[in-house]
C-alpha atoms as a PDB file:
ATOM      1  CA  MET A   1     111.395 298.915  84.614  1.00  0.00           C
ATOM      2  CA  GLU A   2     114.920 299.528  82.551  1.00  0.00           C
ATOM      3  CA  LEU A   3     113.941 300.081  78.864  1.00  0.00           C
ATOM      4  CA  ALA A   4     114.059 295.996  76.876  1.00  0.00           C
ATOM      5  CA  ASP A   5     113.302 294.650  81.397  1.00  0.00           C
ATOM      6  CA  ARG A   6     110.268 294.025  80.686  1.00  0.00           C
ATOM      7  CA  TYR A   7     110.487 291.597  77.490  1.00  0.00           C
ATOM      8  CA  ASN A   8     114.095 289.349  79.373  1.00  0.00           C
ATOM      9  CA  THR A   9     111.280 288.706  81.768  1.00  0.00           C
ATOM     10  CA  ALA A  10     109.114 287.117  79.608  1.00  0.00           C
ATOM     11  CA  LEU A  11     112.052 284.582  78.290  1.00  0.00           C
ATOM     12  CA  VAL A  12     112.368 283.240  81.747  1.00  0.00           C
ATOM     13  CA  CYS A  13     109.188 280.964  82.390  1.00  0.00           C
ATOM     14  CA  HIS A  14     105.855 280.577  81.209  1.00  0.00           C
ATOM     15  CA  ARG A  15     104.692 282.442  84.206  1.00  0.00           C
ATOM     16  CA  TRP A  16     106.604 285.057  83.929  1.00  0.00           C
ATOM     17  CA  ASN A  17     105.692 285.969  79.902  1.00  0.00           C
ATOM     18  CA  TYR A  18     102.387 285.558  80.660  1.00  0.00           C
ATOM     19  CA  LEU A  19     102.309 289.073  83.731  1.00  0.00           C
ATOM     20  CA  ALA A  20     105.161 290.422  81.293  1.00  0.00           C
ATOM     21  CA  CYS A  21     102.695 290.158  78.382  1.00  0.00           C
ATOM     22  CA  HIS A  22     100.045 291.545  79.909  1.00  0.00           C
ATOM     23  CA  PRO A  23      98.123 294.145  77.470  1.00  0.00           C
ATOM     24  CA  ARG A  24      98.040 296.585  80.653  1.00  0.00           C
ATOM     25  CA  LEU A  25     101.758 296.343  81.258  1.00  0.00           C
ATOM     26  CA  TRP A  26     102.154 297.232  77.527  1.00  0.00           C
ATOM     27  CA  LEU A  27     101.534 300.054  74.969  1.00  0.00           C
ATOM     28  CA  ARG A  28     100.624 298.283  71.432  1.00  0.00           C
ATOM     29  CA  VAL A  29     100.139 298.869  67.903  1.00  0.00           C
ATOM     30  CA  ASP A  30      96.963 296.549  66.832  1.00  0.00           C
ATOM     31  CA  GLN A  31      95.379 297.515  63.140  1.00  0.00           C
ATOM     32  CA  SER A  32      92.405 295.021  64.095  1.00  0.00           C
ATOM     33  CA  VAL A  33      91.460 296.589  67.209  1.00  0.00           C
ATOM     34  CA  LYS A  34      88.183 299.068  66.330  1.00  0.00           C
ATOM     35  CA  ASP A  35      87.793 301.094  69.675  1.00  0.00           C
ATOM     36  CA  LEU A  36      90.707 303.808  69.496  1.00  0.00           C
ATOM     37  CA  PHE A  37      89.438 305.497  73.006  1.00  0.00           C
ATOM     38  CA  GLU A  38      91.033 301.471  74.485  1.00  0.00           C
ATOM     39  CA  THR A  39      93.582 302.914  76.410  1.00  0.00           C
ATOM     40  CA  GLY A  40      97.343 302.406  74.807  1.00  0.00           C
ATOM     41  CA  VAL A  41      95.867 300.899  71.588  1.00  0.00           C
ATOM     42  CA  PHE A  42      97.237 302.467  68.842  1.00  0.00           C
ATOM     43  CA  PRO A  43      96.356 301.834  64.942  1.00  0.00           C
ATOM     44  CA  ASP A  44      99.985 302.777  63.354  1.00  0.00           C
ATOM     45  CA  LEU A  45     103.742 302.608  64.975  1.00  0.00           C
ATOM     46  CA  LYS A  46     104.060 306.324  64.570  1.00  0.00           C
ATOM     47  CA  THR A  47     101.295 307.220  66.275  1.00  0.00           C
ATOM     48  CA  ALA A  48     102.484 304.475  69.609  1.00  0.00           C
ATOM     49  CA  VAL A  49     106.007 306.394  69.095  1.00  0.00           C
ATOM     50  CA  SER A  50     104.968 310.250  69.794  1.00  0.00           C
ATOM     51  CA  VAL A  51     102.769 308.820  73.008  1.00  0.00           C
ATOM     52  CA  ALA A  52     105.324 307.042  74.189  1.00  0.00           C
ATOM     53  CA  ARG A  53     107.583 307.896  77.375  1.00  0.00           C
ATOM     54  CA  PRO A  54     110.829 307.692  77.131  1.00  0.00           C
ATOM     55  CA  GLY A  55     111.170 303.524  79.398  1.00  0.00           C
ATOM     56  CA  ASP A  56     107.803 302.393  77.365  1.00  0.00           C
ATOM     57  CA  THR A  57     107.759 299.237  75.438  1.00  0.00           C
ATOM     58  CA  ILE A  58     105.521 298.734  71.981  1.00  0.00           C
ATOM     59  CA  LEU A  59     104.041 295.526  71.776  1.00  0.00           C
ATOM     60  CA  ILE A  60     103.396 295.252  67.937  1.00  0.00           C
ATOM     61  CA  ALA A  61     100.516 292.964  66.556  1.00  0.00           C
ATOM     62  CA  ALA A  62     101.040 289.860  64.957  1.00  0.00           C
ATOM     63  CA  GLY A  63      99.884 289.446  61.633  1.00  0.00           C
ATOM     64  CA  GLY A  64      99.241 291.265  58.550  1.00  0.00           C
ATOM     65  CA  SER A  65     101.853 294.341  57.558  1.00  0.00           C
ATOM     66  CA  HIS A  66     101.992 297.044  59.683  1.00  0.00           C
ATOM     67  CA  PRO A  67     103.323 300.251  57.208  1.00  0.00           C
ATOM     68  CA  VAL A  68     106.740 302.920  58.316  1.00  0.00           C
ATOM     69  CA  SER A  69     108.243 305.415  56.896  1.00  0.00           C
ATOM     70  CA  ASN A  70     111.542 307.767  58.404  1.00  0.00           C
ATOM     71  CA  ILE A  71     109.826 307.369  62.349  1.00  0.00           C
ATOM     72  CA  GLN A  72     111.996 309.553  64.548  1.00  0.00           C
ATOM     73  CA  ILE A  73     112.762 307.296  67.158  1.00  0.00           C
ATOM     74  CA  LYS A  74     114.178 310.211  69.755  1.00  0.00           C
ATOM     75  CA  LYS A  75     113.300 308.456  72.512  1.00  0.00           C
ATOM     76  CA  GLN A  76     114.762 305.092  74.935  1.00  0.00           C
ATOM     77  CA  LEU A  77     112.575 302.879  73.113  1.00  0.00           C
ATOM     78  CA  CYS A  78     111.714 298.589  72.911  1.00  0.00           C
ATOM     79  CA  LEU A  79     109.833 297.674  69.912  1.00  0.00           C
ATOM     80  CA  VAL A  80     108.926 294.121  69.860  1.00  0.00           C
ATOM     81  CA  GLY A  81     106.547 291.721  67.783  1.00  0.00           C
ATOM     82  CA  GLY A  82     103.602 290.055  68.991  1.00  0.00           C
ATOM     83  CA  GLY A  83     104.176 286.915  67.573  1.00  0.00           C
ATOM     84  CA  GLU A  84     105.961 284.197  67.849  1.00  0.00           C
ATOM     85  CA  LEU A  85     108.067 284.655  65.202  1.00  0.00           C
ATOM     86  CA  PRO A  86     109.648 287.433  63.630  1.00  0.00           C
ATOM     87  CA  ASP A  87     108.330 286.605  60.036  1.00  0.00           C
ATOM     88  CA  GLU A  88     104.605 287.264  62.078  1.00  0.00           C
ATOM     89  CA  THR A  89     105.225 291.161  62.513  1.00  0.00           C
ATOM     90  CA  THR A  90     106.172 292.968  59.527  1.00  0.00           C
ATOM     91  CA  LEU A  91     107.531 296.711  58.951  1.00  0.00           C
ATOM     92  CA  ILE A  92     107.411 297.613  55.552  1.00  0.00           C
ATOM     93  CA  CYS A  93     108.708 300.841  53.995  1.00  0.00           C
ATOM     94  CA  SER A  94     107.671 301.729  51.147  1.00  0.00           C
ATOM     95  CA  ARG A  95     109.542 303.288  48.132  1.00  0.00           C
ATOM     96  CA  GLY A  96     110.788 306.621  48.476  1.00  0.00           C
ATOM     97  CA  SER A  97     111.873 307.335  51.921  1.00  0.00           C
ATOM     98  CA  ASP A  98     115.558 306.908  53.426  1.00  0.00           C
ATOM     99  CA  SER A  99     114.286 304.542  56.198  1.00  0.00           C
ATOM    100  CA  ALA A 100     111.721 302.044  57.800  1.00  0.00           C
ATOM    101  CA  LEU A 101     112.798 303.334  61.663  1.00  0.00           C
ATOM    102  CA  GLU A 102     115.186 306.610  62.470  1.00  0.00           C
ATOM    103  CA  PHE A 103     116.933 306.286  66.070  1.00  0.00           C
ATOM    104  CA  LEU A 104     118.627 309.354  67.805  1.00  0.00           C
ATOM    105  CA  SER A 105     118.231 307.423  71.367  1.00  0.00           C
ATOM    106  CA  THR A 106     119.101 303.803  73.055  1.00  0.00           C
ATOM    107  CA  CYS A 107     116.560 301.647  71.431  1.00  0.00           C
ATOM    108  CA  LYS A 108     116.012 297.602  71.485  1.00  0.00           C
ATOM    109  CA  LEU A 109     113.957 295.811  68.292  1.00  0.00           C
ATOM    110  CA  ALA A 110     113.513 292.609  69.168  1.00  0.00           C
ATOM    111  CA  ASN A 111     111.506 289.740  67.408  1.00  0.00           C
ATOM    112  CA  LEU A 112     110.936 292.440  63.965  1.00  0.00           C
ATOM    113  CA  THR A 113     111.127 291.531  60.308  1.00  0.00           C
ATOM    114  CA  VAL A 114     112.101 294.974  58.914  1.00  0.00           C
ATOM    115  CA  LYS A 115     111.401 295.669  54.888  1.00  0.00           C
ATOM    116  CA  ALA A 116     112.653 298.818  53.073  1.00  0.00           C
ATOM    117  CA  GLU A 117     111.578 298.342  49.318  1.00  0.00           C
ATOM    118  CA  LEU A 118     114.294 301.094  48.282  1.00  0.00           C
ATOM    119  CA  GLY A 119     116.719 303.004  50.885  1.00  0.00           C
ATOM    120  CA  CYS A 120     117.776 301.379  54.408  1.00  0.00           C
ATOM    121  CA  CYS A 121     115.562 299.197  57.167  1.00  0.00           C
ATOM    122  CA  LEU A 122     117.007 301.064  59.983  1.00  0.00           C
ATOM    123  CA  LEU A 123     118.859 304.840  60.150  1.00  0.00           C
ATOM    124  CA  HIS A 124     121.022 305.060  63.251  1.00  0.00           C
ATOM    125  CA  ARG A 125     122.117 308.619  64.098  1.00  0.00           C
ATOM    126  CA  SER A 126     122.464 308.205  68.284  1.00  0.00           C
ATOM    127  CA  GLY A 127     123.002 306.163  70.556  1.00  0.00           C
ATOM    128  CA  ARG A 128     122.914 303.109  71.710  1.00  0.00           C
ATOM    129  CA  LEU A 129     120.352 300.490  69.725  1.00  0.00           C
ATOM    130  CA  THR A 130     120.157 296.513  69.769  1.00  0.00           C
ATOM    131  CA  ILE A 131     118.699 294.446  66.912  1.00  0.00           C
ATOM    132  CA  ASP A 132     117.764 290.994  69.132  1.00  0.00           C
ATOM    133  CA  GLY A 133     116.073 288.155  67.118  1.00  0.00           C
ATOM    134  CA  CYS A 134     114.975 290.814  63.987  1.00  0.00           C
ATOM    135  CA  VAL A 135     115.045 290.081  59.852  1.00  0.00           C
ATOM    136  CA  LEU A 136     116.160 293.228  58.446  1.00  0.00           C
ATOM    137  CA  GLN A 137     115.222 292.674  54.726  1.00  0.00           C
ATOM    138  CA  CYS A 138     116.208 294.838  51.743  1.00  0.00           C
ATOM    139  CA  GLU A 139     113.864 294.088  47.884  1.00  0.00           C
ATOM    140  CA  THR A 140     115.897 293.505  45.597  1.00  0.00           C
ATOM    141  CA  ASN A 141     116.142 295.471  42.276  1.00  0.00           C
ATOM    142  CA  PRO A 142     119.023 297.022  39.939  1.00  0.00           C
ATOM    143  CA  LEU A 143     119.724 299.649  42.420  1.00  0.00           C
ATOM    144  CA  ASP A 144     121.365 297.518  45.259  1.00  0.00           C
ATOM    145  CA  PHE A 145     124.069 300.363  46.339  1.00  0.00           C
ATOM    146  CA  LEU A 146     121.641 302.331  47.519  1.00  0.00           C
ATOM    147  CA  SER A 147     119.899 299.463  49.878  1.00  0.00           C
ATOM    148  CA  CYS A 148     121.672 299.076  53.339  1.00  0.00           C
ATOM    149  CA  PRO A 149     119.593 296.866  56.312  1.00  0.00           C
ATOM    150  CA  ILE A 150     121.472 299.558  58.722  1.00  0.00           C
ATOM    151  CA  VAL A 151     123.191 302.979  57.683  1.00  0.00           C
ATOM    152  CA  SER A 152     124.981 304.392  60.761  1.00  0.00           C
ATOM    153  CA  THR A 153     125.926 307.954  60.365  1.00  0.00           C
ATOM    154  CA  ALA A 154     127.326 307.906  64.276  1.00  0.00           C
ATOM    155  CA  ILE A 155     130.366 310.175  65.093  1.00  0.00           C
ATOM    156  CA  THR A 156     130.950 310.938  68.787  1.00  0.00           C
ATOM    157  CA  SER A 157     133.789 312.663  69.917  1.00  0.00           C
ATOM    158  CA  THR A 158     134.480 310.986  72.877  1.00  0.00           C
ATOM    159  CA  PRO A 159     134.990 307.362  72.324  1.00  0.00           C
ATOM    160  CA  MET A 160     135.111 305.877  75.689  1.00  0.00           C
ATOM    161  CA  LYS A 161     132.527 306.520  76.961  1.00  0.00           C
ATOM    162  CA  SER A 162     129.814 303.718  78.360  1.00  0.00           C
ATOM    163  CA  ASN A 163     127.093 305.438  77.014  1.00  0.00           C
ATOM    164  CA  GLY A 164     128.216 306.355  74.050  1.00  0.00           C
ATOM    165  CA  ASP A 165     126.751 305.171  70.198  1.00  0.00           C
ATOM    166  CA  SER A 166     126.606 301.902  69.178  1.00  0.00           C
ATOM    167  CA  VAL A 167     124.475 299.124  67.451  1.00  0.00           C
ATOM    168  CA  THR A 168     124.397 295.074  68.146  1.00  0.00           C
ATOM    169  CA  VAL A 169     123.277 292.268  66.728  1.00  0.00           C
ATOM    170  CA  LEU A 170     121.675 289.010  68.031  1.00  0.00           C
ATOM    171  CA  HIS A 171     120.824 285.974  66.012  1.00  0.00           C
ATOM    172  CA  THR A 172     118.674 288.173  63.243  1.00  0.00           C
ATOM    173  CA  ARG A 173     118.499 288.089  59.628  1.00  0.00           C
ATOM    174  CA  ILE A 174     119.379 289.913  56.521  1.00  0.00           C
ATOM    175  CA  GLU A 175     118.969 289.394  53.490  1.00  0.00           C
ATOM    176  CA  GLY A 176     119.285 291.927  50.389  1.00  0.00           C
ATOM    177  CA  GLY A 177     121.092 295.150  49.737  1.00  0.00           C
ATOM    178  CA  ALA A 178     124.569 295.375  48.522  1.00  0.00           C
ATOM    179  CA  LYS A 179     126.504 295.649  52.742  1.00  0.00           C
ATOM    180  CA  ALA A 180     124.442 294.602  56.082  1.00  0.00           C
ATOM    181  CA  VAL A 181     126.081 297.965  57.705  1.00  0.00           C
ATOM    182  CA  LEU A 182     127.093 300.710  56.142  1.00  0.00           C
ATOM    183  CA  THR A 183     129.177 303.407  58.426  1.00  0.00           C
ATOM    184  CA  SER A 184     129.814 306.901  57.317  1.00  0.00           C
ATOM    185  CA  GLY A 185     130.491 308.485  61.071  1.00  0.00           C
ATOM    186  CA  ASP A 186     133.115 306.877  63.447  1.00  0.00           C
ATOM    187  CA  LEU A 187     131.737 303.749  63.954  1.00  0.00           C
ATOM    188  CA  VAL A 188     133.279 300.532  62.353  1.00  0.00           C
ATOM    189  CA  LEU A 189     132.132 296.550  61.747  1.00  0.00           C
ATOM    190  CA  GLN A 190     133.166 294.785  64.916  1.00  0.00           C
ATOM    191  CA  ARG A 191     133.433 290.836  66.637  1.00  0.00           C
ATOM    192  CA  VAL A 192     131.660 289.337  63.903  1.00  0.00           C
ATOM    193  CA  ARG A 193     129.760 285.645  63.862  1.00  0.00           C
ATOM    194  CA  VAL A 194     127.253 283.916  61.857  1.00  0.00           C
ATOM    195  CA  ILE A 195     126.143 280.655  62.280  1.00  0.00           C
ATOM    196  CA  TYR A 196     124.952 278.445  59.069  1.00  0.00           C
ATOM    197  CA  ALA A 197     121.385 276.857  59.304  1.00  0.00           C
ATOM    198  CA  ARG A 198     118.721 275.257  56.856  1.00  0.00           C
ATOM    199  CA  THR A 199     117.723 278.255  54.968  1.00  0.00           C
ATOM    200  CA  TYR A 200     119.109 281.117  56.387  1.00  0.00           C
ATOM    201  CA  LEU A 201     122.537 282.835  57.718  1.00  0.00           C
ATOM    202  CA  TYR A 202     122.187 284.484  61.466  1.00  0.00           C
ATOM    203  CA  PHE A 203     124.395 287.202  62.140  1.00  0.00           C
ATOM    204  CA  TRP A 204     125.627 288.779  65.344  1.00  0.00           C
ATOM    205  CA  PHE A 205     127.873 291.424  65.432  1.00  0.00           C
ATOM    206  CA  ASP A 206     128.228 295.005  67.100  1.00  0.00           C
ATOM    207  CA  VAL A 207     128.876 298.868  65.322  1.00  0.00           C
ATOM    208  CA  ASP A 208     131.238 300.257  67.541  1.00  0.00           C
ATOM    209  CA  HIS A 209     134.817 302.549  68.302  1.00  0.00           C
ATOM    210  CA  GLN A 210     137.369 300.806  67.042  1.00  0.00           C
END
């Protein structure tokens, strides 16, 4: 299957959701698993990413918090939270780390909460990054100017290529930090849309070449 097709298939109906989410089809991150020799199950995200093959989907178990720090992702992967809501699957990046996740390839995040105490939640270096139905949180502190949910440093010499660098944000809550997006390459914020819910703002936007 192409990147994230399995996740999209799970949204069709209950039967397709059961088939698409069958444990044998996913790599899983589950801290509660006692048998670490169970095929396709890993105690932490860093180990799962290192073992995954390009095009794999990693299902991260709901409940509790998963520590992450400067995890580099250099292959096409889809990271999906295992709960019904993104708040049920939380990745926490501790103070002193540059980022929770660093992307150097085309990837997708879905149904996840990513928290950063100081630094950025997601660091985009290259590739096409899609953030769908997530929550990105930077902790409130006196150094808010150093906190940013999304940072992109991508620079592309051929911006018209269809497979160039970009960040796409869909139905995502962004909380804390001085700015939602900080770019230091040649990508710019475009096509911003915001929907006001009762308690949150939901964002849709692209970070792409003008």
